[in-house]
Amino acid sequence: MDSTVLSLRIEGELFERLRAHAAKRGMSVQDYVVRTLIREDFDERFQTAVEETEKFYGASDAPGDQVRPSAGIA
């Protein structure tokens, strides 16, 4: 996989918060930020896939939307 350099300028307070989060996980700030961006990108792509699936099958056909009779009613 190719890599590209990205340089960021962030305020000191934000950097210290990122450093603290990274340290809790035994990571460098760079690794923490990259993993966070990767996770965010995955979450967005996953959400898009869910929305496309709901459009394809129709929102009313989603398993959570189906009404089921209670156990005592026949």
N, C-alpha and C. Protein backbone atom coordinates (compact mmCIF):
# COMPACT_ATOMS: atom_id res chain seq x y z
N MET A 1 0.85 -1.17 0.00
CA MET A 1 0.00 0.00 0.00
C MET A 1 0.89 1.24 0.00
N ASP A 2 0.56 2.20 -0.85
CA ASP A 2 1.32 3.45 -0.91
C ASP A 2 1.00 4.29 0.31
N SER A 3 1.95 5.12 0.67
CA SER A 3 1.71 6.03 1.78
C SER A 3 2.06 7.45 1.34
N THR A 4 1.41 8.39 1.96
CA THR A 4 1.62 9.81 1.68
C THR A 4 1.79 10.53 3.00
N VAL A 5 2.59 11.55 3.00
CA VAL A 5 2.82 12.32 4.22
C VAL A 5 1.73 13.38 4.36
N LEU A 6 1.18 13.49 5.56
CA LEU A 6 0.18 14.50 5.87
C LEU A 6 0.69 15.25 7.09
N SER A 7 0.84 16.53 6.96
CA SER A 7 1.32 17.35 8.06
C SER A 7 0.15 18.16 8.61
N LEU A 8 -0.02 18.13 9.92
CA LEU A 8 -1.11 18.85 10.56
C LEU A 8 -0.58 19.85 11.57
N ARG A 9 -1.27 20.94 11.68
CA ARG A 9 -0.96 21.91 12.73
C ARG A 9 -2.17 21.93 13.65
N ILE A 10 -1.98 21.54 14.90
CA ILE A 10 -3.09 21.51 15.86
C ILE A 10 -2.66 22.24 17.11
N GLU A 11 -3.63 22.72 17.84
CA GLU A 11 -3.32 23.47 19.05
C GLU A 11 -2.76 22.53 20.12
N GLY A 12 -2.01 23.09 21.03
CA GLY A 12 -1.33 22.31 22.05
C GLY A 12 -2.27 21.50 22.94
N GLU A 13 -3.42 22.07 23.30
CA GLU A 13 -4.37 21.38 24.17
C GLU A 13 -4.92 20.12 23.50
N LEU A 14 -5.26 20.23 22.22
CA LEU A 14 -5.75 19.07 21.49
C LEU A 14 -4.66 18.00 21.38
N PHE A 15 -3.44 18.44 21.09
CA PHE A 15 -2.34 17.48 20.98
C PHE A 15 -2.15 16.73 22.29
N GLU A 16 -2.23 17.43 23.40
CA GLU A 16 -2.05 16.78 24.70
C GLU A 16 -3.16 15.77 24.97
N ARG A 17 -4.38 16.09 24.58
CA ARG A 17 -5.48 15.13 24.74
C ARG A 17 -5.24 13.90 23.87
N LEU A 18 -4.82 14.13 22.63
CA LEU A 18 -4.51 13.00 21.74
C LEU A 18 -3.36 12.17 22.31
N ARG A 19 -2.35 12.83 22.84
CA ARG A 19 -1.22 12.13 23.43
C ARG A 19 -1.66 11.27 24.61
N ALA A 20 -2.56 11.80 25.42
CA ALA A 20 -3.05 11.05 26.58
C ALA A 20 -3.86 9.83 26.13
N HIS A 21 -4.72 9.99 25.13
CA HIS A 21 -5.49 8.86 24.60
C HIS A 21 -4.56 7.80 24.03
N ALA A 22 -3.56 8.25 23.28
CA ALA A 22 -2.61 7.32 22.67
C ALA A 22 -1.81 6.58 23.74
N ALA A 23 -1.39 7.30 24.77
CA ALA A 23 -0.58 6.69 25.83
C ALA A 23 -1.38 5.60 26.57
N LYS A 24 -2.68 5.82 26.76
CA LYS A 24 -3.52 4.81 27.42
C LYS A 24 -3.51 3.50 26.65
N ARG A 25 -3.31 3.61 25.35
CA ARG A 25 -3.34 2.43 24.48
C ARG A 25 -1.93 1.96 24.10
N GLY A 26 -0.92 2.63 24.66
CA GLY A 26 0.46 2.26 24.36
C GLY A 26 0.84 2.56 22.92
N MET A 27 0.31 3.64 22.38
CA MET A 27 0.52 3.99 20.98
C MET A 27 1.17 5.36 20.88
N SER A 28 1.76 5.63 19.72
CA SER A 28 2.22 6.98 19.43
C SER A 28 1.01 7.81 19.01
N VAL A 29 1.15 9.12 19.06
CA VAL A 29 0.06 10.00 18.63
C VAL A 29 -0.25 9.74 17.15
N GLN A 30 0.79 9.57 16.35
CA GLN A 30 0.60 9.32 14.92
C GLN A 30 -0.22 8.05 14.71
N ASP A 31 0.16 6.96 15.37
CA ASP A 31 -0.57 5.71 15.21
C ASP A 31 -2.02 5.84 15.70
N TYR A 32 -2.20 6.54 16.81
CA TYR A 32 -3.55 6.73 17.36
C TYR A 32 -4.43 7.49 16.37
N VAL A 33 -3.91 8.57 15.80
CA VAL A 33 -4.69 9.38 14.86
C VAL A 33 -5.01 8.57 13.60
N VAL A 34 -4.02 7.84 13.08
CA VAL A 34 -4.26 7.04 11.88
C VAL A 34 -5.31 5.98 12.14
N ARG A 35 -5.22 5.28 13.26
CA ARG A 35 -6.21 4.24 13.58
C ARG A 35 -7.60 4.84 13.77
N THR A 36 -7.67 6.03 14.37
CA THR A 36 -8.95 6.70 14.55
C THR A 36 -9.56 7.06 13.19
N LEU A 37 -8.74 7.56 12.29
CA LEU A 37 -9.24 7.90 10.95
C LEU A 37 -9.68 6.66 10.20
N ILE A 38 -8.94 5.58 10.33
CA ILE A 38 -9.31 4.33 9.66
C ILE A 38 -10.65 3.83 10.21
N ARG A 39 -10.81 3.86 11.53
CA ARG A 39 -12.05 3.41 12.14
C ARG A 39 -13.22 4.28 11.69
N GLU A 40 -13.03 5.59 11.66
CA GLU A 40 -14.09 6.51 11.23
C GLU A 40 -14.47 6.25 9.78
N ASP A 41 -13.47 6.01 8.93
CA ASP A 41 -13.73 5.72 7.53
C ASP A 41 -14.52 4.42 7.40
N PHE A 42 -14.14 3.40 8.17
CA PHE A 42 -14.87 2.13 8.14
C PHE A 42 -16.31 2.33 8.59
N ASP A 43 -16.50 3.07 9.69
CA ASP A 43 -17.85 3.31 10.20
C ASP A 43 -18.73 3.99 9.15
N GLU A 44 -18.17 4.97 8.45
CA GLU A 44 -18.94 5.67 7.41
C GLU A 44 -19.29 4.73 6.26
N ARG A 45 -18.32 3.92 5.82
CA ARG A 45 -18.58 2.99 4.72
C ARG A 45 -19.59 1.93 5.14
N PHE A 46 -19.51 1.45 6.39
CA PHE A 46 -20.45 0.46 6.88
C PHE A 46 -21.86 1.04 6.94
N GLN A 47 -21.99 2.27 7.45
CA GLN A 47 -23.29 2.92 7.54
C GLN A 47 -23.89 3.11 6.15
N THR A 48 -23.07 3.49 5.19
CA THR A 48 -23.54 3.64 3.82
C THR A 48 -24.05 2.31 3.28
N ALA A 49 -23.33 1.23 3.56
CA ALA A 49 -23.75 -0.10 3.10
C ALA A 49 -25.08 -0.49 3.73
N VAL A 50 -25.26 -0.19 5.01
CA VAL A 50 -26.52 -0.49 5.70
C VAL A 50 -27.66 0.30 5.05
N GLU A 51 -27.43 1.58 4.80
CA GLU A 51 -28.47 2.41 4.19
C GLU A 51 -28.83 1.92 2.79
N GLU A 52 -27.82 1.53 2.01
CA GLU A 52 -28.09 1.01 0.67
C GLU A 52 -28.87 -0.30 0.74
N THR A 53 -28.54 -1.14 1.71
CA THR A 53 -29.27 -2.41 1.87
C THR A 53 -30.72 -2.14 2.25
N GLU A 54 -30.94 -1.18 3.15
CA GLU A 54 -32.30 -0.83 3.54
C GLU A 54 -33.09 -0.29 2.35
N LYS A 55 -32.45 0.51 1.50
CA LYS A 55 -33.12 1.02 0.31
C LYS A 55 -33.49 -0.12 -0.62
N PHE A 56 -32.57 -1.06 -0.78
CA PHE A 56 -32.80 -2.17 -1.70
C PHE A 56 -33.95 -3.05 -1.24
N TYR A 57 -33.95 -3.39 0.05
CA TYR A 57 -34.98 -4.28 0.58
C TYR A 57 -36.21 -3.54 1.07
N GLY A 58 -36.09 -2.25 1.26
CA GLY A 58 -37.19 -1.45 1.78
C GLY A 58 -37.12 -1.41 3.29
N ALA A 59 -37.28 -0.24 3.86
CA ALA A 59 -37.14 -0.05 5.30
C ALA A 59 -38.14 -0.88 6.09
N SER A 60 -39.36 -1.07 5.55
CA SER A 60 -40.38 -1.82 6.29
C SER A 60 -40.07 -3.32 6.33
N ASP A 61 -39.17 -3.78 5.46
CA ASP A 61 -38.80 -5.19 5.45
C ASP A 61 -37.62 -5.50 6.36
N ALA A 62 -37.05 -4.47 7.00
CA ALA A 62 -35.90 -4.70 7.88
C ALA A 62 -36.35 -5.54 9.06
N PRO A 63 -35.52 -6.50 9.52
CA PRO A 63 -35.92 -7.42 10.59
C PRO A 63 -36.40 -6.72 11.86
N GLY A 64 -35.82 -5.59 12.22
CA GLY A 64 -36.22 -4.91 13.45
C GLY A 64 -37.56 -4.21 13.34
N ASP A 65 -38.05 -4.03 12.12
CA ASP A 65 -39.30 -3.30 11.92
C ASP A 65 -40.53 -4.19 11.92
N GLN A 66 -40.36 -5.49 11.91
CA GLN A 66 -41.48 -6.40 11.83
C GLN A 66 -42.17 -6.50 13.18
N VAL A 67 -43.48 -6.45 13.16
CA VAL A 67 -44.26 -6.56 14.40
C VAL A 67 -44.53 -8.03 14.65
N ARG A 68 -44.23 -8.47 15.85
CA ARG A 68 -44.45 -9.87 16.20
C ARG A 68 -45.49 -9.96 17.30
N PRO A 69 -46.40 -10.91 17.23
CA PRO A 69 -47.41 -11.04 18.27
C PRO A 69 -46.76 -11.45 19.58
N SER A 70 -47.36 -11.01 20.66
CA SER A 70 -46.83 -11.40 21.96
C SER A 70 -47.10 -12.88 22.20
N ALA A 71 -46.39 -13.48 23.13
CA ALA A 71 -46.47 -14.92 23.37
C ALA A 71 -47.86 -15.38 23.78
N GLY A 72 -48.65 -14.54 24.48
CA GLY A 72 -49.92 -14.96 24.99
C GLY A 72 -51.08 -14.84 24.02
N ILE A 73 -50.86 -14.19 22.86
CA ILE A 73 -51.94 -13.98 21.90
C ILE A 73 -51.80 -14.98 20.77
N ALA A 74 -52.87 -15.66 20.42
CA ALA A 74 -52.82 -16.64 19.33
C ALA A 74 -53.44 -16.10 18.08
